[in-house]
Each structure stands twice: as structure tokens, then as C-alpha cells.
Amino acid sequence: MEDSHARSLCKGISWRITGTLDTIFVAFFITGHIGNAVTIGVTEVITKILLYYGHERLWNIIRWGRTQKGPTNARSLTKGITWRVVGTIDTIFLSYLITGQTVNAFKIGGTELITKVLLYYLHERLWALIKWGRVYKDSEKEEVLEKQSVS
């Protein structure tokens, strides 16, 4: 089974909306200033897209953890951790630039580190329940149809 391009795009958009709303909420909760919170969240949309592209291109050069069957679990985990580090640094940096407060910038980044991991897990679990956009190989289609007719 694979995901269609449309499903991947929708997942990406829904995650960016979720992530941005989380950033805005966390920044508002910590700073008490809605203008700064929205500015941090909206600015992050742009920086995170650019940084993610760069992160993906860098990992495209790294051969470690690639096999004929695809990436190893260790590669995927390491890639996820390095992305979260980059994302957190971006949040801290933007929060400092926008608020001018070092302590609050680190509070926002640190809090978001926790909330983003939890929200991403929930986002993935929700999408696991949605069947739309899944592409099955012929043998997998038959298995799914058989299971559905038995139930």
C-alpha cells in the first residue's frame, strides 16, 4: 500500500495547519500577546517550508540507512529527530526575533518540542483511520476486499 500524491499533499497541509495553530497557541500562552503569537506562527509557515526542503535535500545526499527496500528504521528515526531539532531551533530563533525575550523564546521552543511530538503522533493516528487516497497493489486490493466482504 502507498499513499497517493493527493493524500500526501492533504496530510502535509493538515499538519502545517495543526503545527501553526500549535505554535500560535503556545506563543500566546507564554507571552500573553496575540499579535506576537500570530506573527511567530505565520512567519514559521514560510521558514519551516524552506528549512524542511533543505533538510530533505541534505538527507538526500546522506547514504547511511538506505537499502534496496527503502530507508531503515534507524534512518527514519534519526531523520525525524534531526528535523525536530531544526524545527525547535527555528521556533526559538523566530520567537526571540519577534518578542526580543530570550527566556520566552526558549519557553516557546521547549514547550513546542513536547506539543509537536504529541500532536504529530495524534495526526498520524487520525490519518491512519482515513482510507481515502490509499493506493493498493493488486494483491493487496484483493485482501482488503476479502476482509471487507467477510465482515
Protein backbone atom coordinates (compact mmCIF):
# COMPACT_ATOMS: atom_id res chain seq x y z
CA MET A 1 0.00 0.00 0.00
CA GLU A 2 1.13 3.53 -0.77
CA ASP A 3 -0.32 6.98 -0.33
CA SER A 4 -1.47 8.90 -3.39
CA HIS A 5 0.09 12.28 -4.09
CA ALA A 6 -3.24 13.93 -3.20
CA ARG A 7 -3.32 12.17 0.17
CA SER A 8 0.29 13.17 0.92
CA LEU A 9 -0.48 16.77 -0.02
CA CYS A 10 -3.58 16.85 2.19
CA LYS A 11 -1.64 15.31 5.08
CA GLY A 12 1.11 17.88 4.64
CA ILE A 13 -1.33 20.78 4.57
CA SER A 14 -3.30 19.48 7.55
CA TRP A 15 -0.06 19.03 9.51
CA ARG A 16 1.17 22.53 8.69
CA ILE A 17 -2.19 23.98 9.83
CA THR A 18 -2.02 21.93 13.04
CA GLY A 19 1.61 22.87 13.65
CA THR A 20 1.00 26.56 13.02
CA LEU A 21 -2.04 26.67 15.31
CA ASP A 22 0.02 24.91 17.99
CA THR A 23 2.80 27.49 17.64
CA ILE A 24 0.32 30.36 17.88
CA PHE A 25 -1.38 28.86 20.94
CA VAL A 26 1.90 28.11 22.73
CA ALA A 27 3.34 31.54 21.93
CA PHE A 28 0.16 33.27 23.14
CA PHE A 29 0.04 31.18 26.30
CA ILE A 30 3.65 32.07 27.15
CA THR A 31 3.74 35.71 26.02
CA GLY A 32 0.13 36.76 26.53
CA HIS A 33 0.39 38.78 23.32
CA ILE A 34 -1.79 37.62 20.40
CA GLY A 35 -0.01 39.83 17.84
CA ASN A 36 3.38 38.30 18.58
CA ALA A 37 1.89 34.80 18.66
CA VAL A 38 0.28 35.16 15.23
CA THR A 39 3.42 36.75 13.78
CA ILE A 40 5.56 33.87 15.06
CA GLY A 41 3.11 31.27 13.69
CA VAL A 42 2.71 32.86 10.26
CA THR A 43 6.45 33.50 9.86
CA GLU A 44 7.12 29.87 10.74
CA VAL A 45 4.99 28.68 7.84
CA ILE A 46 7.50 30.23 5.46
CA THR A 47 10.69 29.34 7.33
CA LYS A 48 9.63 25.77 8.06
CA ILE A 49 8.83 25.06 4.41
CA LEU A 50 12.25 26.36 3.35
CA LEU A 51 14.10 24.59 6.17
CA TYR A 52 12.26 21.33 5.55
CA TYR A 53 13.23 21.47 1.88
CA GLY A 54 16.86 22.00 2.85
CA HIS A 55 16.66 19.19 5.43
CA GLU A 56 15.25 16.81 2.82
CA ARG A 57 17.94 17.76 0.27
CA LEU A 58 20.68 17.22 2.86
CA TRP A 59 19.28 13.80 3.77
CA ASN A 60 19.12 13.02 0.06
CA ILE A 61 22.93 13.26 -0.01
CA ILE A 62 23.42 11.08 3.08
CA ARG A 63 23.61 7.40 2.11
CA TRP A 64 23.54 5.97 5.64
CA GLY A 65 20.48 3.84 6.35
CA ARG A 66 19.37 3.43 2.76
CA THR A 67 18.67 -0.07 1.49
CA GLN A 68 17.19 -1.55 -1.67
CA LYS A 69 13.91 -1.93 0.23
CA GLY A 70 13.90 1.68 1.40
CA PRO A 71 15.07 3.57 4.49
CA THR A 72 15.88 1.66 7.68
CA ASN A 73 14.01 2.41 10.90
CA ALA A 74 17.19 3.97 12.29
CA ARG A 75 17.44 6.36 9.35
CA SER A 76 13.78 7.39 9.67
CA LEU A 77 14.12 7.92 13.42
CA THR A 78 17.33 9.92 13.03
CA LYS A 79 15.77 11.99 10.26
CA GLY A 80 12.74 12.70 12.46
CA ILE A 81 14.89 13.72 15.41
CA THR A 82 17.11 15.99 13.31
CA TRP A 83 14.04 17.65 11.81
CA ARG A 84 12.56 18.27 15.26
CA VAL A 85 15.89 19.85 16.36
CA VAL A 86 15.89 22.13 13.29
CA GLY A 87 12.21 22.99 13.83
CA THR A 88 12.74 23.81 17.50
CA ILE A 89 15.77 25.99 16.79
CA ASP A 90 13.70 27.82 14.15
CA THR A 91 10.91 28.42 16.65
CA ILE A 92 13.31 29.69 19.32
CA PHE A 93 15.10 31.98 16.85
CA LEU A 94 11.86 33.46 15.43
CA SER A 95 10.34 33.83 18.89
CA TYR A 96 13.40 35.78 20.03
CA LEU A 97 13.43 37.98 16.91
CA ILE A 98 9.74 38.80 17.28
CA THR A 99 9.49 39.18 21.07
CA GLY A 100 13.05 40.20 21.95
CA GLN A 101 12.80 37.98 25.04
CA THR A 102 15.31 35.15 25.35
CA VAL A 103 13.56 33.33 28.19
CA ASN A 104 10.18 33.35 26.45
CA ALA A 105 11.78 32.22 23.18
CA PHE A 106 13.25 29.15 24.92
CA LYS A 107 9.96 28.51 26.76
CA ILE A 108 8.06 28.58 23.47
CA GLY A 109 10.58 26.30 21.74
CA GLY A 110 10.78 23.89 24.68
CA THR A 111 7.03 23.66 25.13
CA GLU A 112 6.53 23.20 21.42
CA LEU A 113 9.04 20.37 21.37
CA ILE A 114 6.66 18.39 23.57
CA THR A 115 3.38 19.51 21.98
CA LYS A 116 4.62 18.89 18.43
CA VAL A 117 5.67 15.30 19.12
CA LEU A 118 2.29 14.57 20.73
CA LEU A 119 0.28 16.34 18.05
CA TYR A 120 2.21 14.68 15.24
CA TYR A 121 1.51 11.26 16.74
CA LEU A 122 -2.21 12.10 17.00
CA HIS A 123 -2.20 13.50 13.46
CA GLU A 124 -0.68 10.27 12.14
CA ARG A 125 -3.17 8.12 14.07
CA LEU A 126 -6.11 10.16 12.73
CA TRP A 127 -4.85 9.81 9.17
CA ALA A 128 -4.42 6.07 9.74
CA LEU A 129 -8.21 5.89 10.16
CA ILE A 130 -8.87 7.67 6.85
CA LYS A 131 -8.91 5.29 3.90
CA TRP A 132 -9.13 7.97 1.19
CA GLY A 133 -6.05 8.29 -1.00
CA ARG A 134 -4.55 4.91 -0.29
CA VAL A 135 -3.21 3.08 -3.33
CA TYR A 136 -3.12 -0.70 -3.10
CA LYS A 137 -1.21 -3.12 -5.26
CA ASP A 138 -3.49 -5.67 -6.96
CA SER A 139 -2.77 -8.44 -4.42
CA GLU A 140 -3.40 -6.06 -1.51
CA LYS A 141 -6.69 -4.87 -3.08
CA GLU A 142 -7.93 -8.46 -3.16
CA GLU A 143 -7.02 -8.99 0.52
CA VAL A 144 -8.79 -5.76 1.56
CA LEU A 145 -11.90 -6.65 -0.47
CA GLU A 146 -11.96 -10.16 1.02
CA LYS A 147 -11.72 -8.81 4.57
CA GLN A 148 -14.47 -6.27 3.91
CA SER A 149 -16.82 -8.91 2.45
CA VAL A 150 -16.24 -11.25 5.41
CA SER A 151 -17.01 -8.54 8.00
